[in-house]
Each structure stands twice: as structure tokens, then as C-alpha cells.
Amino acid sequence: MFRLLVEAGPAGRMPGEIAEALSLPGATLSFHLKELSAVGLIQGEQRGRCICYRADFDAMNGLIEFLTRNCCGGAGAAACLPVACAPAAAPRRARR
């Protein structure tokens, strides 16, 4: 969903367009739009009776910068390969 909004650029997309493009039911779409908006990655703008959603590129770039600097140790994207960032295995509980 976020990628779709990034690809749409500053013009953004209406909820109906997003739902159709991603084959999402309205409730699922609404939930994810609300969450992305709450963390500041997207913005909604009232256009008539609808809200047009668009990616907040400043917030996105800030997040990418933070993740690159803090999670990759400044080594760039190569240090952030899935293997390097894989979560530690959770300890298994002994069976009784």
C-alpha cells in the first residue's frame, strides 16, 4: 500500500483506487491507512467527499536515513541484508 502511494507521487490516490489496485476490502484498507497516517508516513487531504492519500516523502526519507545510520551501522544497504537483520531465534520452551 505504501509503495503504491509512493509510486503515485504527490498527486496521491483515492481510497477506491487503492482498494481496487490491491484487491483489499474497505475495512482492511481503512485500518492500514489509519495506521500509516498515525505514524506519519502518509497524509490525507480532503477532496470533496473523499480523502486523497499520499506518501509523506520527508517522513519516508527520514525513516530511511535513520534505518541506514542506526540499523546498518553506517555501512549502507549491504549491511542490511535479510541475513544480517534476521531476528534472533526465540528460545524454545522445554516440553513437559
Protein backbone atom coordinates (compact mmCIF):
# COMPACT_ATOMS: atom_id res chain seq x y z
CA MET A 1 0.00 0.00 0.00
CA PHE A 2 2.78 2.41 0.93
CA ARG A 3 4.67 1.54 -2.26
CA LEU A 4 1.54 2.29 -4.30
CA LEU A 5 1.29 5.72 -2.68
CA VAL A 6 4.99 6.39 -3.25
CA GLU A 7 4.58 5.46 -6.91
CA ALA A 8 1.56 7.79 -7.18
CA GLY A 9 3.77 10.72 -6.17
CA PRO A 10 2.44 13.99 -4.78
CA ALA A 11 -0.92 13.52 -6.54
CA GLY A 12 -1.71 10.58 -4.25
CA ARG A 13 -4.59 8.15 -4.64
CA MET A 14 -8.19 7.96 -3.56
CA PRO A 15 -9.20 5.06 -1.29
CA GLY A 16 -11.28 3.42 -4.02
CA GLU A 17 -8.28 3.38 -6.37
CA ILE A 18 -6.06 1.89 -3.67
CA ALA A 19 -8.63 -0.78 -2.78
CA GLU A 20 -9.08 -1.75 -6.42
CA ALA A 21 -5.35 -1.84 -7.18
CA LEU A 22 -4.62 -4.03 -4.15
CA SER A 23 -7.88 -6.03 -4.08
CA LEU A 24 -8.48 -5.06 -0.47
CA PRO A 25 -11.80 -4.89 1.36
CA GLY A 26 -12.71 -1.45 2.69
CA ALA A 27 -12.23 -2.31 6.36
CA THR A 28 -8.71 -3.63 5.76
CA LEU A 29 -7.81 -0.61 3.66
CA SER A 30 -9.17 1.77 6.26
CA PHE A 31 -7.20 0.09 9.06
CA HIS A 32 -3.89 0.28 7.20
CA LEU A 33 -4.43 3.86 6.01
CA LYS A 34 -5.19 4.87 9.59
CA GLU A 35 -2.03 3.19 10.90
CA LEU A 36 0.22 4.66 8.19
CA SER A 37 -1.28 8.07 8.86
CA ALA A 38 -0.84 7.71 12.63
CA VAL A 39 2.91 7.10 12.25
CA GLY A 40 3.24 9.98 9.80
CA LEU A 41 4.21 8.05 6.68
CA ILE A 42 1.15 9.20 4.73
CA GLN A 43 -1.08 12.26 4.73
CA GLY A 44 -4.74 12.56 3.87
CA GLU A 45 -6.20 15.59 2.14
CA GLN A 46 -9.93 16.24 1.93
CA ARG A 47 -11.11 16.45 -1.69
CA GLY A 48 -14.83 16.91 -1.77
CA ARG A 49 -16.43 13.96 0.00
CA CYS A 50 -13.29 11.81 -0.15
CA ILE A 51 -9.83 11.90 1.33
CA CYS A 52 -6.90 11.61 -1.05
CA TYR A 53 -3.90 9.86 0.49
CA ARG A 54 -0.29 10.47 -0.45
CA ALA A 55 3.08 9.40 0.88
CA ASP A 56 4.92 11.88 3.09
CA PHE A 57 8.28 11.85 1.32
CA ASP A 58 10.06 13.84 4.03
CA ALA A 59 9.00 11.30 6.66
CA MET A 60 9.92 8.40 4.37
CA ASN A 61 13.37 9.83 3.68
CA GLY A 62 13.89 10.49 7.38
CA LEU A 63 12.99 6.89 8.20
CA ILE A 64 15.33 5.54 5.51
CA GLU A 65 18.14 7.76 6.81
CA PHE A 66 17.52 6.64 10.40
CA LEU A 67 17.44 2.96 9.49
CA THR A 68 20.56 3.22 7.35
CA ARG A 69 22.50 5.10 10.02
CA ASN A 70 21.31 3.22 13.10
CA CYS A 71 20.43 -0.25 11.91
CA CYS A 72 23.12 -0.75 9.29
CA GLY A 73 25.89 0.80 11.36
CA GLY A 74 26.55 3.37 8.65
CA ALA A 75 27.74 0.62 6.30
CA GLY A 76 24.97 1.21 3.78
CA ALA A 77 22.35 -1.14 2.46
CA ALA A 78 24.77 -4.08 2.02
CA ALA A 79 24.96 -4.43 5.81
CA CYS A 80 21.17 -4.70 5.96
CA LEU A 81 20.75 -7.90 4.02
CA PRO A 82 17.98 -10.12 5.40
CA VAL A 83 20.51 -12.48 6.98
CA ALA A 84 22.23 -9.59 8.80
CA CYS A 85 18.92 -8.26 10.11
CA ALA A 86 17.19 -11.54 10.88
CA PRO A 87 15.79 -11.60 14.42
CA ALA A 88 17.49 -13.85 16.92
CA ALA A 89 15.75 -17.19 17.33
CA ALA A 90 13.44 -17.22 20.31
CA PRO A 91 14.44 -19.70 22.98
CA ARG A 92 12.33 -22.85 22.89
CA ARG A 93 10.44 -23.95 25.92
CA ALA A 94 11.12 -27.42 27.18
CA ARG A 95 8.20 -29.80 26.78
CA ARG A 96 6.70 -31.19 29.92
